[in-house]
Structures are given as C-alpha cells and as structure tokens.
Amino acid sequence: MRVQLPITIKINHELAVQFMKLKSFVNKLEAQFNFQTMTAGWYGDEDNIVGICFSLESPESFEQVTSNTQLLDKITLADDVISFFDQEKNLRICFVAITETEQNLLEQHTKLLKGYIDKKLSKALNLLTNELDVPEI
C-alpha cells in the first residue's frame, strides 16, 4: 500500500525525455520537501492537511496552462509559477515553468540540473507559504 505524501512533484513528459536524470532528482526533492515541511510544523492539524502538487512544465505546456480560463482561483505567484486550489481534492496545484532560456542552459550544462531544479522548486514552495499560512522553508 502506497501512502500519498502531502507534497508531490510531477514532470511534463517533454522535460522528462529531454532530461533523463530529472525523475531521480525530483524523487529526492519530493522526499526532502516533505521532510522539511514536516519538521517546520506544516502538518500540526492532521485533519486539515492541504496537499501540494508541483508540476514542472515546458514553456509550451506552461503557456497552455496559463491560458486555460477554466482554472478557478488561479494565482500568479511569479512569471514562471502559477497555482490554483482544487477544492474537490483539497490540493494546491502549482505549475512551475522551465523557460526556454533555462532549458537551453540546462541542456548545455547538465551538471547544473539538480541544483537548479532544487532552487526553482524551493522558490515555488516558499511562494506558497503566504497562501497556506505556514512558515517558509
């Protein structure tokens, strides 16, 4: 039986194909973020835990998401980060774009991938702290 963690990270198929090691980095980040948020006291009320699903997007898929007028409660947190709340699932969904410039840079310098994705998703996580009324990580 697999237990659903409060924070999950999904990867756009195009990015997963372009960066073969991205999946393993993201799995480690997912565990790290869940541990950090737990130790920071984000889950004090176990009956009221809001999940967060990050979705790493390519420039094209991010553009599709941002132009979707059916997303209610859409909040732009940064040029490359938007989120909305899915009340049915009690889940904050956060789309994070890897821009075209970033894609090119990471393709040329693959050693930067792990650190860059860590910083980008950490930034997005901390942008959500105001919405969730929890301490920054």
Protein backbone atom coordinates (compact mmCIF):
# COMPACT_ATOMS: atom_id res chain seq x y z
CA MET A 1 0.00 0.00 0.00
CA ARG A 2 1.41 3.36 -1.03
CA VAL A 3 0.80 6.35 1.24
CA GLN A 4 0.20 9.66 -0.51
CA LEU A 5 2.64 12.29 0.75
CA PRO A 6 1.44 15.89 1.20
CA ILE A 7 3.88 17.22 -1.43
CA THR A 8 4.24 15.58 -4.84
CA ILE A 9 6.13 16.64 -7.95
CA LYS A 10 5.17 15.73 -11.50
CA ILE A 11 7.22 16.30 -14.64
CA ASN A 12 5.96 17.25 -18.07
CA HIS A 13 6.70 14.40 -20.50
CA GLU A 14 8.76 16.63 -22.81
CA LEU A 15 11.05 17.64 -19.94
CA ALA A 16 11.36 14.06 -18.68
CA VAL A 17 12.52 12.95 -22.14
CA GLN A 18 14.88 15.90 -22.56
CA PHE A 19 16.47 15.47 -19.12
CA MET A 20 16.76 11.76 -18.36
CA LYS A 21 18.06 12.28 -14.79
CA LEU A 22 15.29 14.69 -13.84
CA LYS A 23 12.99 11.97 -12.47
CA SER A 24 15.53 10.75 -9.92
CA PHE A 25 16.33 14.32 -8.81
CA VAL A 26 12.64 15.08 -8.42
CA ASN A 27 12.03 11.94 -6.33
CA LYS A 28 14.74 13.03 -3.90
CA LEU A 29 13.39 16.59 -3.78
CA GLU A 30 9.91 15.31 -3.07
CA ALA A 31 11.20 13.39 -0.04
CA GLN A 32 13.30 16.36 1.07
CA PHE A 33 10.39 18.84 0.82
CA ASN A 34 8.05 16.53 2.74
CA PHE A 35 10.63 16.13 5.50
CA GLN A 36 11.43 19.87 5.67
CA THR A 37 7.77 20.89 5.81
CA MET A 38 7.03 18.26 8.46
CA THR A 39 9.88 19.48 10.69
CA ALA A 40 8.75 23.08 10.13
CA GLY A 41 5.37 22.20 11.62
CA TRP A 42 3.24 22.45 8.50
CA TYR A 43 1.11 19.45 9.45
CA GLY A 44 0.11 20.22 13.02
CA ASP A 45 -3.58 19.62 12.30
CA GLU A 46 -3.65 16.16 10.71
CA ASP A 47 -7.32 16.51 9.81
CA ASN A 48 -6.65 19.63 7.76
CA ILE A 49 -3.57 18.91 5.64
CA VAL A 50 -3.58 20.62 2.27
CA GLY A 51 -1.63 18.71 -0.35
CA ILE A 52 0.64 20.43 -2.83
CA CYS A 53 1.29 19.06 -6.30
CA PHE A 54 4.08 20.73 -8.22
CA SER A 55 4.07 20.25 -11.96
CA LEU A 56 7.28 21.07 -13.82
CA GLU A 57 6.27 22.35 -17.24
CA SER A 58 7.94 23.09 -20.55
CA PRO A 59 7.43 26.59 -22.00
CA GLU A 60 4.69 25.28 -24.30
CA SER A 61 2.78 23.34 -21.66
CA PHE A 62 3.06 26.25 -19.20
CA GLU A 63 1.58 28.57 -21.84
CA GLN A 64 -1.35 26.18 -22.25
CA VAL A 65 -1.96 26.13 -18.51
CA THR A 66 -1.78 29.91 -18.12
CA SER A 67 -4.23 30.43 -20.97
CA ASN A 68 -6.76 27.94 -19.52
CA THR A 69 -9.70 30.12 -18.50
CA GLN A 70 -11.44 27.23 -16.74
CA LEU A 71 -9.00 27.23 -13.84
CA LEU A 72 -10.79 28.94 -10.99
CA ASP A 73 -8.85 30.53 -8.18
CA LYS A 74 -5.74 30.83 -10.41
CA ILE A 75 -3.00 32.84 -8.71
CA THR A 76 0.13 34.10 -10.46
CA LEU A 77 2.94 33.81 -7.91
CA ALA A 78 5.76 34.71 -10.34
CA ASP A 79 6.34 34.91 -14.10
CA ASP A 80 7.06 31.20 -14.10
CA VAL A 81 4.79 29.99 -11.25
CA ILE A 82 1.00 29.82 -11.12
CA SER A 83 -1.23 27.86 -8.81
CA PHE A 84 -4.83 27.07 -8.15
CA PHE A 85 -6.73 25.22 -5.45
CA ASP A 86 -8.64 22.05 -6.30
CA GLN A 87 -11.29 22.02 -3.57
CA GLU A 88 -12.54 18.59 -4.52
CA LYS A 89 -9.13 17.04 -3.79
CA ASN A 90 -8.07 19.57 -1.11
CA LEU A 91 -4.96 20.10 -3.23
CA ARG A 92 -2.95 23.19 -4.19
CA ILE A 93 -1.67 22.59 -7.73
CA CYS A 94 1.36 24.64 -8.65
CA PHE A 95 2.64 24.85 -12.22
CA VAL A 96 6.32 25.78 -12.48
CA ALA A 97 7.77 26.62 -15.89
CA ILE A 98 11.23 25.76 -17.06
CA THR A 99 11.65 28.59 -19.53
CA GLU A 100 13.19 28.18 -22.96
CA THR A 101 16.33 30.01 -21.83
CA GLU A 102 16.61 27.76 -18.78
CA GLN A 103 16.07 24.66 -20.92
CA ASN A 104 18.89 25.68 -23.25
CA LEU A 105 21.23 26.45 -20.35
CA LEU A 106 20.48 23.16 -18.59
CA GLU A 107 20.89 21.21 -21.82
CA GLN A 108 24.34 22.71 -22.32
CA HIS A 109 25.35 22.35 -18.66
CA THR A 110 23.63 19.23 -17.36
CA LYS A 111 25.65 19.35 -14.13
CA LEU A 112 23.53 22.35 -13.12
CA LEU A 113 20.24 20.45 -13.41
CA LYS A 114 19.96 19.12 -9.87
CA GLY A 115 20.81 22.37 -8.09
CA TYR A 116 18.77 24.48 -10.46
CA ILE A 117 15.61 22.40 -10.11
CA ASP A 118 16.08 22.34 -6.33
CA LYS A 119 16.30 26.15 -6.18
CA LYS A 120 13.41 26.66 -8.61
CA LEU A 121 11.04 24.36 -6.72
CA SER A 122 12.20 25.68 -3.33
CA LYS A 123 11.33 29.18 -4.55
CA ALA A 124 7.89 28.00 -5.65
CA LEU A 125 7.32 26.24 -2.32
CA ASN A 126 8.20 29.39 -0.40
CA LEU A 127 5.93 31.47 -2.65
CA LEU A 128 3.06 29.26 -1.48
CA THR A 129 3.72 29.87 2.22
CA ASN A 130 1.62 33.06 2.27
CA GLU A 131 -1.30 31.26 0.64
CA LEU A 132 -1.08 28.37 3.10
CA ASP A 133 -0.21 30.48 6.15
CA VAL A 134 2.79 28.33 7.08
CA PRO A 135 6.44 29.17 7.82
CA GLU A 136 8.97 29.45 4.98
CA ILE A 137 11.42 26.63 4.41
